Amino acid sequence: MSRGQADNGLRKNFNKPFVEEPVFGTNDYHGNIPPPRALLAVVLLKVNPMKLAVPRRFTPPRLAGRTRLAALGLAGVVVLLSAVAVGLYFFSIWPFSSDEIHRGSITDLGPNSVTYQTEDGVRIVASWFIPRDAKNPPVVVLLHEQDGTRAQWDPLVPVLVNAGYAVLAPDLRGFGGSTTIVRDGQEEPYQFANRPDTLLDVEAALKWLKSQREVDSGRVGVIGARLGGDLAYVSTGLFPEVKAAVAITTTRYTDQNTDPLIGSIGDYVAHDVCFIAGGRTQWEDVVTLGIRTVNPGGRRIIEHPDLDGVALVAFDEPVRNMLGWFDARLRRDAHEKTTWCSANA
C-alpha cells in the first residue's frame, strides 16, 4: 500500500460515525474521545517524519559557556596560587632541608683577638668568637696540629658559630702568635719544647673562659687534630669542664707507650670522645685510644683515606658528626645520645 492510499484510508475512517474499540483488553471509552489509532494517524499527518527520526540538537545558552570559561579561569588561578605557595614554602625551608653544610666565611664573624697567660708564663694569643643573639652558649675550644696555627680551623669556625657555639681558637705555645714567655717580669722568645707542656695551654684557656660571663664555661667541648687530638682526648679526663671532645688522627697507644702526653700522665679516664680518621692505619691508631675511653664514638672517613688531621674538616661528613656529637652532650635541651660518630669501620 502506498503512502497516499494509507492517508486516504485514514481520512475515510474519520468521516465515519465514531465506533469505540477496546484498548489493552478494556472497553471503557466515554464521550467523543478518538481511539489511540486515530490519534496516531493525526500525529503522522501533522508531523514531518524526518523531524521524528533525527531529534533536534540541544544548544546550551550563551550564559552556560561563559560560566564554564569563568570556572576554568578560576580553577587556573587557584592552581597557580597553590603552586606559588608550595614554591615559597620549599625555598623557605631549603637551606635547612639540604644536607650541605653552610660554611660561611670567618671574615664575616669579626673575631676578637685575646691573650692570656699560662701558669709557666707563656703568653697565648687566641681568636674569640661569640654567636649573635645567643644566650649563655656552650664553648668549643679548637687545638691545632703541631707546627700548625689556629688558622687551620678557619673553615670550621663559622660552622660552629652559626650552630650556636662560642669558639676559642688559640695558638698553642711555640706556634703562631704564642711565642713569648714572661720570666721574672721579662719577656723572652719561646720555642716549642715538649708535648705535655701544652696541657698548661688548655688549663689556661679554661681558666680564661671562666671570666667570660656571656658564655657557659661549664659546658666545654674540645676539638683537636694530631697533637691537638691527643690534647682533646686527655682533657676529658683531666678537666671537669670538658664534657666532650673530638679527636682527629691521634697517637697510637700501646702497653709500652713512650709518648709522654698519652702514656705518662697520672691517672685519668677519658670519656665522651669522638675519634675521627681517614686512612686505615690512622683509624687503627685511634681505636687503641677508643677502647680506653668511656662512652667513645668513632668515624672513619672512608671516602678520603688519603687525608687526615685538619684536612678532614674541609668535608661535610666529619663536620656533621662533630656537630651531632656536641649537640647531644653540650646543649641543655639535649635529651638523649645520638648515633652521630658511630663506628663504621
C-alpha atoms as a PDB file:
ATOM      1  CA  MET A   1       0.000   0.000   0.000  1.00  0.00           C
ATOM      2  CA  SER A   2       1.295   3.405  -0.922  1.00  0.00           C
ATOM      3  CA  ARG A   3       1.568   6.373   1.451  1.00  0.00           C
ATOM      4  CA  GLY A   4      -1.249   8.167  -0.483  1.00  0.00           C
ATOM      5  CA  GLN A   5      -3.592   5.177  -0.178  1.00  0.00           C
ATOM      6  CA  ALA A   6      -2.911   4.975   3.550  1.00  0.00           C
ATOM      7  CA  ASP A   7      -3.689   8.673   4.011  1.00  0.00           C
ATOM      8  CA  ASN A   8      -6.985   8.387   2.028  1.00  0.00           C
ATOM      9  CA  GLY A   9      -7.985   5.400   4.135  1.00  0.00           C
ATOM     10  CA  LEU A  10      -7.391   7.295   7.359  1.00  0.00           C
ATOM     11  CA  ARG A  11      -9.438  10.259   6.103  1.00  0.00           C
ATOM     12  CA  LYS A  12     -12.387   7.963   5.206  1.00  0.00           C
ATOM     13  CA  ASN A  13     -12.274   6.463   8.710  1.00  0.00           C
ATOM     14  CA  PHE A  14     -12.541   9.928  10.344  1.00  0.00           C
ATOM     15  CA  ASN A  15     -15.678  10.619   8.191  1.00  0.00           C
ATOM     16  CA  LYS A  16     -17.423   7.520   9.560  1.00  0.00           C
ATOM     17  CA  PRO A  17     -19.536   7.565  12.730  1.00  0.00           C
ATOM     18  CA  PHE A  18     -17.470   7.155  15.974  1.00  0.00           C
ATOM     19  CA  VAL A  19     -17.028   3.479  16.903  1.00  0.00           C
ATOM     20  CA  GLU A  20     -15.484   2.530  20.265  1.00  0.00           C
ATOM     21  CA  GLU A  21     -12.677  -0.011  20.174  1.00  0.00           C
ATOM     22  CA  PRO A  22     -11.187  -1.796  23.156  1.00  0.00           C
ATOM     23  CA  VAL A  23      -7.622  -0.933  24.235  1.00  0.00           C
ATOM     24  CA  PHE A  24      -5.431  -3.248  26.434  1.00  0.00           C
ATOM     25  CA  GLY A  25      -8.487  -5.553  26.752  1.00  0.00           C
ATOM     26  CA  THR A  26     -10.879  -2.890  28.057  1.00  0.00           C
ATOM     27  CA  ASN A  27     -13.986  -1.214  26.620  1.00  0.00           C
ATOM     28  CA  ASP A  28     -14.439   1.913  28.740  1.00  0.00           C
ATOM     29  CA  TYR A  29     -14.136   4.923  26.395  1.00  0.00           C
ATOM     30  CA  HIS A  30     -16.595   7.726  27.060  1.00  0.00           C
ATOM     31  CA  GLY A  31     -17.582  10.770  25.096  1.00  0.00           C
ATOM     32  CA  ASN A  32     -16.178  11.746  21.715  1.00  0.00           C
ATOM     33  CA  ILE A  33     -12.508  10.944  22.530  1.00  0.00           C
ATOM     34  CA  PRO A  34     -10.912   9.330  19.493  1.00  0.00           C
ATOM     35  CA  PRO A  35      -9.279   5.931  19.943  1.00  0.00           C
ATOM     36  CA  PRO A  36      -5.470   5.625  20.061  1.00  0.00           C
ATOM     37  CA  ARG A  37      -5.093   4.558  16.448  1.00  0.00           C
ATOM     38  CA  ALA A  38      -6.895   7.699  15.334  1.00  0.00           C
ATOM     39  CA  LEU A  39      -4.571   9.821  17.484  1.00  0.00           C
ATOM     40  CA  LEU A  40      -1.559   8.142  15.919  1.00  0.00           C
ATOM     41  CA  ALA A  41      -2.890   8.932  12.450  1.00  0.00           C
ATOM     42  CA  VAL A  42      -3.297  12.574  13.370  1.00  0.00           C
ATOM     43  CA  VAL A  43       0.276  12.717  14.635  1.00  0.00           C
ATOM     44  CA  LEU A  44       1.588  11.136  11.444  1.00  0.00           C
ATOM     45  CA  LEU A  45      -0.335  13.633   9.323  1.00  0.00           C
ATOM     46  CA  LYS A  46       0.775  16.701  11.275  1.00  0.00           C
ATOM     47  CA  VAL A  47       4.467  15.904  11.955  1.00  0.00           C
ATOM     48  CA  ASN A  48       7.295  15.613   9.453  1.00  0.00           C
ATOM     49  CA  PRO A  49       8.700  12.044   9.837  1.00  0.00           C
ATOM     50  CA  MET A  50      12.266  13.355   9.309  1.00  0.00           C
ATOM     51  CA  LYS A  51      11.899  15.501  12.397  1.00  0.00           C
ATOM     52  CA  LEU A  52      10.873  12.432  14.350  1.00  0.00           C
ATOM     53  CA  ALA A  53      13.835  10.404  13.142  1.00  0.00           C
ATOM     54  CA  VAL A  54      16.507  12.968  13.974  1.00  0.00           C
ATOM     55  CA  PRO A  55      15.971  14.787  17.289  1.00  0.00           C
ATOM     56  CA  ARG A  56      16.936  18.413  17.340  1.00  0.00           C
ATOM     57  CA  ARG A  57      20.319  19.062  18.928  1.00  0.00           C
ATOM     58  CA  PHE A  58      20.238  20.906  22.267  1.00  0.00           C
ATOM     59  CA  THR A  59      22.044  24.243  22.157  1.00  0.00           C
ATOM     60  CA  PRO A  60      23.155  25.445  25.583  1.00  0.00           C
ATOM     61  CA  PRO A  61      22.521  29.047  26.364  1.00  0.00           C
ATOM     62  CA  ARG A  62      25.364  31.546  25.989  1.00  0.00           C
ATOM     63  CA  LEU A  63      25.486  32.109  29.714  1.00  0.00           C
ATOM     64  CA  ALA A  64      26.485  28.467  30.289  1.00  0.00           C
ATOM     65  CA  GLY A  65      29.524  28.829  28.007  1.00  0.00           C
ATOM     66  CA  ARG A  66      30.665  31.986  29.739  1.00  0.00           C
ATOM     67  CA  THR A  67      30.140  30.436  33.128  1.00  0.00           C
ATOM     68  CA  ARG A  68      32.245  27.445  32.110  1.00  0.00           C
ATOM     69  CA  LEU A  69      35.056  29.717  30.950  1.00  0.00           C
ATOM     70  CA  ALA A  70      34.863  31.653  34.188  1.00  0.00           C
ATOM     71  CA  ALA A  71      35.009  28.407  36.191  1.00  0.00           C
ATOM     72  CA  LEU A  72      38.052  27.226  34.231  1.00  0.00           C
ATOM     73  CA  GLY A  73      39.746  30.573  34.770  1.00  0.00           C
ATOM     74  CA  LEU A  74      39.045  30.465  38.499  1.00  0.00           C
ATOM     75  CA  ALA A  75      40.420  26.914  38.721  1.00  0.00           C
ATOM     76  CA  GLY A  76      43.575  28.027  36.907  1.00  0.00           C
ATOM     77  CA  VAL A  77      44.072  30.891  39.345  1.00  0.00           C
ATOM     78  CA  VAL A  78      43.660  28.502  42.312  1.00  0.00           C
ATOM     79  CA  VAL A  79      46.205  26.067  40.858  1.00  0.00           C
ATOM     80  CA  LEU A  80      48.658  28.886  40.156  1.00  0.00           C
ATOM     81  CA  LEU A  81      48.357  30.311  43.671  1.00  0.00           C
ATOM     82  CA  SER A  82      48.802  26.829  45.164  1.00  0.00           C
ATOM     83  CA  ALA A  83      51.960  26.284  43.105  1.00  0.00           C
ATOM     84  CA  VAL A  84      53.335  29.650  44.219  1.00  0.00           C
ATOM     85  CA  ALA A  85      52.591  28.830  47.864  1.00  0.00           C
ATOM     86  CA  VAL A  86      54.313  25.451  47.613  1.00  0.00           C
ATOM     87  CA  GLY A  87      57.297  27.070  45.893  1.00  0.00           C
ATOM     88  CA  LEU A  88      57.644  29.742  48.553  1.00  0.00           C
ATOM     89  CA  TYR A  89      57.434  27.119  51.299  1.00  0.00           C
ATOM     90  CA  PHE A  90      60.077  24.973  49.618  1.00  0.00           C
ATOM     91  CA  PHE A  91      62.522  27.844  49.220  1.00  0.00           C
ATOM     92  CA  SER A  92      61.886  28.935  52.809  1.00  0.00           C
ATOM     93  CA  ILE A  93      62.970  25.557  54.191  1.00  0.00           C
ATOM     94  CA  TRP A  94      65.549  24.708  51.536  1.00  0.00           C
ATOM     95  CA  PRO A  95      68.632  25.831  53.497  1.00  0.00           C
ATOM     96  CA  PHE A  96      67.546  23.588  56.386  1.00  0.00           C
ATOM     97  CA  SER A  97      66.419  20.588  54.389  1.00  0.00           C
ATOM     98  CA  SER A  98      69.631  20.388  52.392  1.00  0.00           C
ATOM     99  CA  ASP A  99      72.370  18.057  53.645  1.00  0.00           C
ATOM    100  CA  GLU A 100      75.077  20.501  52.587  1.00  0.00           C
ATOM    101  CA  ILE A 101      76.623  22.413  55.482  1.00  0.00           C
ATOM    102  CA  HIS A 102      76.630  26.179  55.135  1.00  0.00           C
ATOM    103  CA  ARG A 103      80.220  27.193  55.759  1.00  0.00           C
ATOM    104  CA  GLY A 104      80.256  30.961  55.682  1.00  0.00           C
ATOM    105  CA  SER A 105      83.432  32.987  55.995  1.00  0.00           C
ATOM    106  CA  ILE A 106      85.481  33.688  59.078  1.00  0.00           C
ATOM    107  CA  THR A 107      85.922  37.287  57.927  1.00  0.00           C
ATOM    108  CA  ASP A 108      82.183  37.831  58.387  1.00  0.00           C
ATOM    109  CA  LEU A 109      82.406  36.999  62.096  1.00  0.00           C
ATOM    110  CA  GLY A 110      84.652  39.848  63.186  1.00  0.00           C
ATOM    111  CA  PRO A 111      86.920  37.852  65.535  1.00  0.00           C
ATOM    112  CA  ASN A 112      88.341  39.355  68.677  1.00  0.00           C
ATOM    113  CA  SER A 113      91.991  38.642  69.344  1.00  0.00           C
ATOM    114  CA  VAL A 114      92.580  37.872  73.031  1.00  0.00           C
ATOM    115  CA  THR A 115      95.605  36.979  75.133  1.00  0.00           C
ATOM    116  CA  TYR A 116      96.036  35.125  78.403  1.00  0.00           C
ATOM    117  CA  GLN A 117      98.990  33.679  80.227  1.00  0.00           C
ATOM    118  CA  THR A 118      99.744  30.113  81.228  1.00  0.00           C
ATOM    119  CA  GLU A 119     100.929  29.024  84.652  1.00  0.00           C
ATOM    120  CA  ASP A 120     104.537  28.877  83.464  1.00  0.00           C
ATOM    121  CA  GLY A 121     104.375  32.343  81.857  1.00  0.00           C
ATOM    122  CA  VAL A 122     103.746  31.620  78.146  1.00  0.00           C
ATOM    123  CA  ARG A 123     101.588  34.311  76.561  1.00  0.00           C
ATOM    124  CA  ILE A 124      98.883  32.650  74.484  1.00  0.00           C
ATOM    125  CA  VAL A 125      97.255  34.505  71.597  1.00  0.00           C
ATOM    126  CA  ALA A 126      93.791  33.280  70.584  1.00  0.00           C
ATOM    127  CA  SER A 127      90.750  34.193  68.486  1.00  0.00           C
ATOM    128  CA  TRP A 128      87.440  34.507  70.284  1.00  0.00           C
ATOM    129  CA  PHE A 129      84.014  34.238  68.641  1.00  0.00           C
ATOM    130  CA  ILE A 130      80.526  34.515  70.165  1.00  0.00           C
ATOM    131  CA  PRO A 131      77.353  33.734  68.176  1.00  0.00           C
ATOM    132  CA  ARG A 132      74.949  36.641  67.766  1.00  0.00           C
ATOM    133  CA  ASP A 133      71.804  36.664  69.878  1.00  0.00           C
ATOM    134  CA  ALA A 134      72.986  33.570  71.759  1.00  0.00           C
ATOM    135  CA  LYS A 135      72.239  33.434  75.466  1.00  0.00           C
ATOM    136  CA  ASN A 136      74.857  31.698  77.598  1.00  0.00           C
ATOM    137  CA  PRO A 137      76.068  29.382  74.789  1.00  0.00           C
ATOM    138  CA  PRO A 138      78.395  26.411  75.278  1.00  0.00           C
ATOM    139  CA  VAL A 139      82.000  26.753  74.133  1.00  0.00           C
ATOM    140  CA  VAL A 140      84.204  24.769  71.752  1.00  0.00           C
ATOM    141  CA  VAL A 141      88.000  25.047  72.056  1.00  0.00           C
ATOM    142  CA  LEU A 142      89.987  24.298  68.893  1.00  0.00           C
ATOM    143  CA  LEU A 143      93.511  22.863  69.245  1.00  0.00           C
ATOM    144  CA  HIS A 144      95.623  22.751  66.090  1.00  0.00           C
ATOM    145  CA  GLU A 145      98.309  20.344  64.902  1.00  0.00           C
ATOM    146  CA  GLN A 146     101.956  20.525  65.870  1.00  0.00           C
ATOM    147  CA  ASP A 147     103.732  23.010  63.572  1.00  0.00           C
ATOM    148  CA  GLY A 148     100.330  24.493  62.735  1.00  0.00           C
ATOM    149  CA  THR A 149      98.379  27.536  63.919  1.00  0.00           C
ATOM    150  CA  ARG A 150      94.814  28.481  64.834  1.00  0.00           C
ATOM    151  CA  ALA A 151      94.292  29.484  61.179  1.00  0.00           C
ATOM    152  CA  GLN A 152      93.986  25.776  60.373  1.00  0.00           C
ATOM    153  CA  TRP A 153      90.482  25.932  61.852  1.00  0.00           C
ATOM    154  CA  ASP A 154      89.258  28.886  59.782  1.00  0.00           C
ATOM    155  CA  PRO A 155      86.921  26.714  57.648  1.00  0.00           C
ATOM    156  CA  LEU A 156      85.320  25.182  60.763  1.00  0.00           C
ATOM    157  CA  VAL A 157      84.884  28.272  62.936  1.00  0.00           C
ATOM    158  CA  PRO A 158      81.896  29.769  61.035  1.00  0.00           C
ATOM    159  CA  VAL A 159      80.103  26.421  61.084  1.00  0.00           C
ATOM    160  CA  LEU A 160      80.396  26.168  64.868  1.00  0.00           C
ATOM    161  CA  VAL A 161      79.429  29.796  65.454  1.00  0.00           C
ATOM    162  CA  ASN A 162      76.413  29.518  63.142  1.00  0.00           C
ATOM    163  CA  ALA A 163      75.416  26.386  65.053  1.00  0.00           C
ATOM    164  CA  GLY A 164      75.283  28.389  68.280  1.00  0.00           C
ATOM    165  CA  TYR A 165      78.663  27.674  69.853  1.00  0.00           C
ATOM    166  CA  ALA A 166      81.161  30.189  71.157  1.00  0.00           C
ATOM    167  CA  VAL A 167      84.630  29.338  69.840  1.00  0.00           C
ATOM    168  CA  LEU A 168      88.083  29.842  71.320  1.00  0.00           C
ATOM    169  CA  ALA A 169      90.928  29.079  68.903  1.00  0.00           C
ATOM    170  CA  PRO A 170      94.374  29.551  70.488  1.00  0.00           C
ATOM    171  CA  ASP A 171      97.826  29.303  69.011  1.00  0.00           C
ATOM    172  CA  LEU A 172      99.493  26.600  71.087  1.00  0.00           C
ATOM    173  CA  ARG A 173     102.788  27.510  72.715  1.00  0.00           C
ATOM    174  CA  GLY A 174     105.640  27.973  70.301  1.00  0.00           C
ATOM    175  CA  PHE A 175     103.372  28.406  67.261  1.00  0.00           C
ATOM    176  CA  GLY A 176     101.693  31.344  65.576  1.00  0.00           C
ATOM    177  CA  GLY A 177     101.476  34.324  67.890  1.00  0.00           C
ATOM    178  CA  SER A 178     102.216  32.358  71.091  1.00  0.00           C
ATOM    179  CA  THR A 179     105.984  32.694  71.025  1.00  0.00           C
ATOM    180  CA  THR A 180     106.632  34.857  74.070  1.00  0.00           C
ATOM    181  CA  ILE A 181     107.226  33.796  77.678  1.00  0.00           C
ATOM    182  CA  VAL A 182     107.430  36.075  80.703  1.00  0.00           C
ATOM    183  CA  ARG A 183     110.133  35.132  83.225  1.00  0.00           C
ATOM    184  CA  ASP A 184     110.902  37.328  86.216  1.00  0.00           C
ATOM    185  CA  GLY A 185     108.910  40.111  84.628  1.00  0.00           C
ATOM    186  CA  GLN A 186     110.938  39.973  81.415  1.00  0.00           C
ATOM    187  CA  GLU A 187     109.624  38.885  78.025  1.00  0.00           C
ATOM    188  CA  GLU A 188     111.670  36.282  76.189  1.00  0.00           C
ATOM    189  CA  PRO A 189     111.196  34.364  72.950  1.00  0.00           C
ATOM    190  CA  TYR A 190     109.668  30.937  73.423  1.00  0.00           C
ATOM    191  CA  GLN A 191     110.044  27.814  71.308  1.00  0.00           C
ATOM    192  CA  PHE A 192     108.036  24.613  71.471  1.00  0.00           C
ATOM    193  CA  ALA A 193     109.836  22.175  73.764  1.00  0.00           C
ATOM    194  CA  ASN A 194     107.657  19.195  74.707  1.00  0.00           C
ATOM    195  CA  ARG A 195     104.132  17.900  74.304  1.00  0.00           C
ATOM    196  CA  PRO A 196     102.990  17.632  77.957  1.00  0.00           C
ATOM    197  CA  ASP A 197     103.543  21.375  78.494  1.00  0.00           C
ATOM    198  CA  THR A 198     100.708  22.080  76.057  1.00  0.00           C
ATOM    199  CA  LEU A 199      98.271  20.837  78.714  1.00  0.00           C
ATOM    200  CA  LEU A 200      99.081  24.091  80.527  1.00  0.00           C
ATOM    201  CA  ASP A 201      97.710  25.881  77.457  1.00  0.00           C
ATOM    202  CA  VAL A 202      94.398  24.022  77.795  1.00  0.00           C
ATOM    203  CA  GLU A 203      94.281  24.743  81.514  1.00  0.00           C
ATOM    204  CA  ALA A 204      94.871  28.460  80.878  1.00  0.00           C
ATOM    205  CA  ALA A 205      92.148  28.531  78.197  1.00  0.00           C
ATOM    206  CA  LEU A 206      89.577  27.011  80.572  1.00  0.00           C
ATOM    207  CA  LYS A 207      90.570  29.433  83.317  1.00  0.00           C
ATOM    208  CA  TRP A 208      90.157  32.382  80.934  1.00  0.00           C
ATOM    209  CA  LEU A 209      86.729  31.143  79.854  1.00  0.00           C
ATOM    210  CA  LYS A 210      85.518  31.277  83.465  1.00  0.00           C
ATOM    211  CA  SER A 211      85.946  35.049  83.341  1.00  0.00           C
ATOM    212  CA  GLN A 212      83.656  35.321  80.296  1.00  0.00           C
ATOM    213  CA  ARG A 213      80.192  35.743  81.793  1.00  0.00           C
ATOM    214  CA  GLU A 214      78.382  35.734  78.451  1.00  0.00           C
ATOM    215  CA  VAL A 215      79.107  32.006  77.901  1.00  0.00           C
ATOM    216  CA  ASP A 216      78.620  28.799  79.867  1.00  0.00           C
ATOM    217  CA  SER A 217      82.169  27.876  80.868  1.00  0.00           C
ATOM    218  CA  GLY A 218      80.878  24.689  82.486  1.00  0.00           C
ATOM    219  CA  ARG A 219      79.845  23.237  79.123  1.00  0.00           C
ATOM    220  CA  VAL A 220      83.006  22.988  77.052  1.00  0.00           C
ATOM    221  CA  GLY A 221      83.892  20.776  74.114  1.00  0.00           C
ATOM    222  CA  VAL A 222      87.359  20.384  72.627  1.00  0.00           C
ATOM    223  CA  ILE A 223      88.248  19.591  69.023  1.00  0.00           C
ATOM    224  CA  GLY A 224      91.851  18.762  68.186  1.00  0.00           C
ATOM    225  CA  ALA A 225      93.926  17.263  65.383  1.00  0.00           C
ATOM    226  CA  ARG A 226      97.124  15.223  65.798  1.00  0.00           C
ATOM    227  CA  LEU A 227      98.825  16.953  68.784  1.00  0.00           C
ATOM    228  CA  GLY A 228      95.558  18.791  69.381  1.00  0.00           C
ATOM    229  CA  GLY A 229      93.683  15.485  69.108  1.00  0.00           C
ATOM    230  CA  ASP A 230      95.810  13.955  71.847  1.00  0.00           C
ATOM    231  CA  LEU A 231      95.154  17.032  73.989  1.00  0.00           C
ATOM    232  CA  ALA A 232      91.415  16.768  73.367  1.00  0.00           C
ATOM    233  CA  TYR A 233      91.431  13.115  74.417  1.00  0.00           C
ATOM    234  CA  VAL A 234      93.388  13.723  77.642  1.00  0.00           C
ATOM    235  CA  SER A 235      91.436  16.885  78.508  1.00  0.00           C
ATOM    236  CA  THR A 236      88.185  14.969  79.009  1.00  0.00           C
ATOM    237  CA  GLY A 237      89.829  13.040  81.823  1.00  0.00           C
ATOM    238  CA  LEU A 238      91.750  15.921  83.438  1.00  0.00           C
ATOM    239  CA  PHE A 239      89.334  18.871  83.354  1.00  0.00           C
ATOM    240  CA  PRO A 240      85.745  18.560  84.637  1.00  0.00           C
ATOM    241  CA  GLU A 241      84.585  21.474  82.476  1.00  0.00           C
ATOM    242  CA  VAL A 242      85.295  19.463  79.325  1.00  0.00           C
ATOM    243  CA  LYS A 243      82.125  17.469  78.717  1.00  0.00           C
ATOM    244  CA  ALA A 244      83.028  16.030  75.305  1.00  0.00           C
ATOM    245  CA  ALA A 245      85.764  16.046  72.686  1.00  0.00           C
ATOM    246  CA  VAL A 246      86.524  15.245  69.069  1.00  0.00           C
ATOM    247  CA  ALA A 247      89.985  13.783  68.489  1.00  0.00           C
ATOM    248  CA  ILE A 248      91.200  13.643  64.876  1.00  0.00           C
ATOM    249  CA  THR A 249      94.154  11.414  63.930  1.00  0.00           C
ATOM    250  CA  THR A 250      95.575  10.727  67.376  1.00  0.00           C
ATOM    251  CA  THR A 251      98.725   8.976  68.553  1.00  0.00           C
ATOM    252  CA  ARG A 252      98.637   5.176  68.841  1.00  0.00           C
ATOM    253  CA  TYR A 253      98.554   3.769  72.356  1.00  0.00           C
ATOM    254  CA  THR A 254     100.494   0.619  73.269  1.00  0.00           C
ATOM    255  CA  ASP A 255     101.357  -1.071  76.538  1.00  0.00           C
ATOM    256  CA  GLN A 256     104.918   0.147  76.065  1.00  0.00           C
ATOM    257  CA  ASN A 257     103.799   3.637  75.096  1.00  0.00           C
ATOM    258  CA  THR A 258     106.620   6.123  75.421  1.00  0.00           C
ATOM    259  CA  ASP A 259     104.607   9.201  74.408  1.00  0.00           C
ATOM    260  CA  PRO A 260     104.648  11.445  77.494  1.00  0.00           C
ATOM    261  CA  LEU A 261     101.294  13.070  76.712  1.00  0.00           C
ATOM    262  CA  ILE A 262      99.290   9.870  76.259  1.00  0.00           C
ATOM    263  CA  GLY A 263     101.148   7.334  78.375  1.00  0.00           C
ATOM    264  CA  SER A 264     102.985   9.087  81.197  1.00  0.00           C
ATOM    265  CA  ILE A 265     100.381  11.395  82.760  1.00  0.00           C
ATOM    266  CA  GLY A 266      98.823  10.417  86.072  1.00  0.00           C
ATOM    267  CA  ASP A 267      95.522   8.615  86.384  1.00  0.00           C
ATOM    268  CA  TYR A 268      92.761   9.943  84.223  1.00  0.00           C
ATOM    269  CA  VAL A 269      89.755   8.415  82.497  1.00  0.00           C
ATOM    270  CA  ALA A 270      88.881   9.875  79.111  1.00  0.00           C
ATOM    271  CA  HIS A 271      85.179   9.988  78.267  1.00  0.00           C
ATOM    272  CA  ASP A 272      82.780  11.043  75.511  1.00  0.00           C
ATOM    273  CA  VAL A 273      85.422  11.305  72.813  1.00  0.00           C
ATOM    274  CA  CYS A 274      84.542  11.049  69.128  1.00  0.00           C
ATOM    275  CA  PHE A 275      87.554   9.686  67.228  1.00  0.00           C
ATOM    276  CA  ILE A 276      87.882  10.559  63.533  1.00  0.00           C
ATOM    277  CA  ALA A 277      90.430   9.374  60.971  1.00  0.00           C
ATOM    278  CA  GLY A 278      90.722   8.835  57.232  1.00  0.00           C
ATOM    279  CA  GLY A 279      93.331   6.212  56.396  1.00  0.00           C
ATOM    280  CA  ARG A 280      93.200   2.609  57.605  1.00  0.00           C
ATOM    281  CA  THR A 281      96.413   2.881  59.641  1.00  0.00           C
ATOM    282  CA  GLN A 282      95.292   6.133  61.247  1.00  0.00           C
ATOM    283  CA  TRP A 283      91.951   4.553  62.076  1.00  0.00           C
ATOM    284  CA  GLU A 284      93.705   1.640  63.784  1.00  0.00           C
ATOM    285  CA  ASP A 285      95.672   4.186  65.826  1.00  0.00           C
ATOM    286  CA  VAL A 286      92.571   5.974  67.142  1.00  0.00           C
ATOM    287  CA  VAL A 287      90.944   2.649  68.016  1.00  0.00           C
ATOM    288  CA  THR A 288      93.752   1.980  70.501  1.00  0.00           C
ATOM    289  CA  LEU A 289      92.531   5.036  72.434  1.00  0.00           C
ATOM    290  CA  GLY A 290      88.861   4.403  71.806  1.00  0.00           C
ATOM    291  CA  ILE A 291      88.920   1.106  73.682  1.00  0.00           C
ATOM    292  CA  ARG A 292      90.304   3.006  76.699  1.00  0.00           C
ATOM    293  CA  THR A 293      87.536   5.618  76.656  1.00  0.00           C
ATOM    294  CA  VAL A 294      84.211   5.711  78.478  1.00  0.00           C
ATOM    295  CA  ASN A 295      81.345   6.416  76.043  1.00  0.00           C
ATOM    296  CA  PRO A 296      83.518   6.579  72.922  1.00  0.00           C
ATOM    297  CA  GLY A 297      82.436   7.260  69.372  1.00  0.00           C
ATOM    298  CA  GLY A 298      84.280   6.822  66.127  1.00  0.00           C
ATOM    299  CA  ARG A 299      84.011   7.631  62.451  1.00  0.00           C
ATOM    300  CA  ARG A 300      86.374   6.676  59.680  1.00  0.00           C
ATOM    301  CA  ILE A 301      86.020   8.924  56.643  1.00  0.00           C
ATOM    302  CA  ILE A 302      86.488   6.138  54.121  1.00  0.00           C
ATOM    303  CA  GLU A 303      85.759   8.402  51.144  1.00  0.00           C
ATOM    304  CA  HIS A 304      89.051  10.230  51.801  1.00  0.00           C
ATOM    305  CA  PRO A 305      91.592   7.650  53.015  1.00  0.00           C
ATOM    306  CA  ASP A 306      94.487   9.811  51.837  1.00  0.00           C
ATOM    307  CA  LEU A 307      93.565  12.699  54.150  1.00  0.00           C
ATOM    308  CA  ASP A 308      93.894  13.096  57.918  1.00  0.00           C
ATOM    309  CA  GLY A 309      94.169  15.758  60.587  1.00  0.00           C
ATOM    310  CA  VAL A 310      92.594  19.158  59.986  1.00  0.00           C
ATOM    311  CA  ALA A 311      92.357  18.428  56.249  1.00  0.00           C
ATOM    312  CA  LEU A 312      89.254  16.349  57.013  1.00  0.00           C
ATOM    313  CA  VAL A 313      87.228  19.342  58.186  1.00  0.00           C
ATOM    314  CA  ALA A 314      87.029  20.502  54.565  1.00  0.00           C
ATOM    315  CA  PHE A 315      84.366  17.810  54.068  1.00  0.00           C
ATOM    316  CA  ASP A 316      80.827  17.792  55.402  1.00  0.00           C
ATOM    317  CA  GLU A 317      80.633  14.263  56.814  1.00  0.00           C
ATOM    318  CA  PRO A 318      83.174  14.668  59.651  1.00  0.00           C
ATOM    319  CA  VAL A 319      81.839  18.143  60.462  1.00  0.00           C
ATOM    320  CA  ARG A 320      78.270  16.827  60.589  1.00  0.00           C
ATOM    321  CA  ASN A 321      79.402  14.134  63.036  1.00  0.00           C
ATOM    322  CA  MET A 322      81.179  16.710  65.210  1.00  0.00           C
ATOM    323  CA  LEU A 323      78.050  18.853  65.438  1.00  0.00           C
ATOM    324  CA  GLY A 324      75.837  15.904  66.247  1.00  0.00           C
ATOM    325  CA  TRP A 325      78.278  14.691  68.906  1.00  0.00           C
ATOM    326  CA  PHE A 326      78.382  18.062  70.658  1.00  0.00           C
ATOM    327  CA  ASP A 327      74.668  18.797  70.257  1.00  0.00           C
ATOM    328  CA  ALA A 328      73.878  15.666  72.257  1.00  0.00           C
ATOM    329  CA  ARG A 329      76.390  16.452  75.044  1.00  0.00           C
ATOM    330  CA  LEU A 330      76.768  20.216  75.387  1.00  0.00           C
ATOM    331  CA  ARG A 331      73.278  21.605  74.834  1.00  0.00           C
ATOM    332  CA  ARG A 332      70.954  21.972  77.783  1.00  0.00           C
ATOM    333  CA  ASP A 333      67.949  20.847  75.730  1.00  0.00           C
ATOM    334  CA  ALA A 334      69.598  17.573  74.638  1.00  0.00           C
ATOM    335  CA  HIS A 335      67.563  14.632  75.968  1.00  0.00           C
ATOM    336  CA  GLU A 336      69.342  11.591  74.608  1.00  0.00           C
ATOM    337  CA  LYS A 337      72.516  10.436  72.929  1.00  0.00           C
ATOM    338  CA  THR A 338      72.564  10.303  69.146  1.00  0.00           C
ATOM    339  CA  THR A 339      74.031   7.905  66.613  1.00  0.00           C
ATOM    340  CA  TRP A 340      76.421  10.560  65.335  1.00  0.00           C
ATOM    341  CA  CYS A 341      80.039   9.471  65.284  1.00  0.00           C
ATOM    342  CA  SER A 342      79.131   5.781  65.439  1.00  0.00           C
ATOM    343  CA  ALA A 343      81.872   3.420  64.327  1.00  0.00           C
ATOM    344  CA  ASN A 344      81.706   2.401  60.662  1.00  0.00           C
ATOM    345  CA  ALA A 345      84.944   0.513  60.113  1.00  0.00           C
END
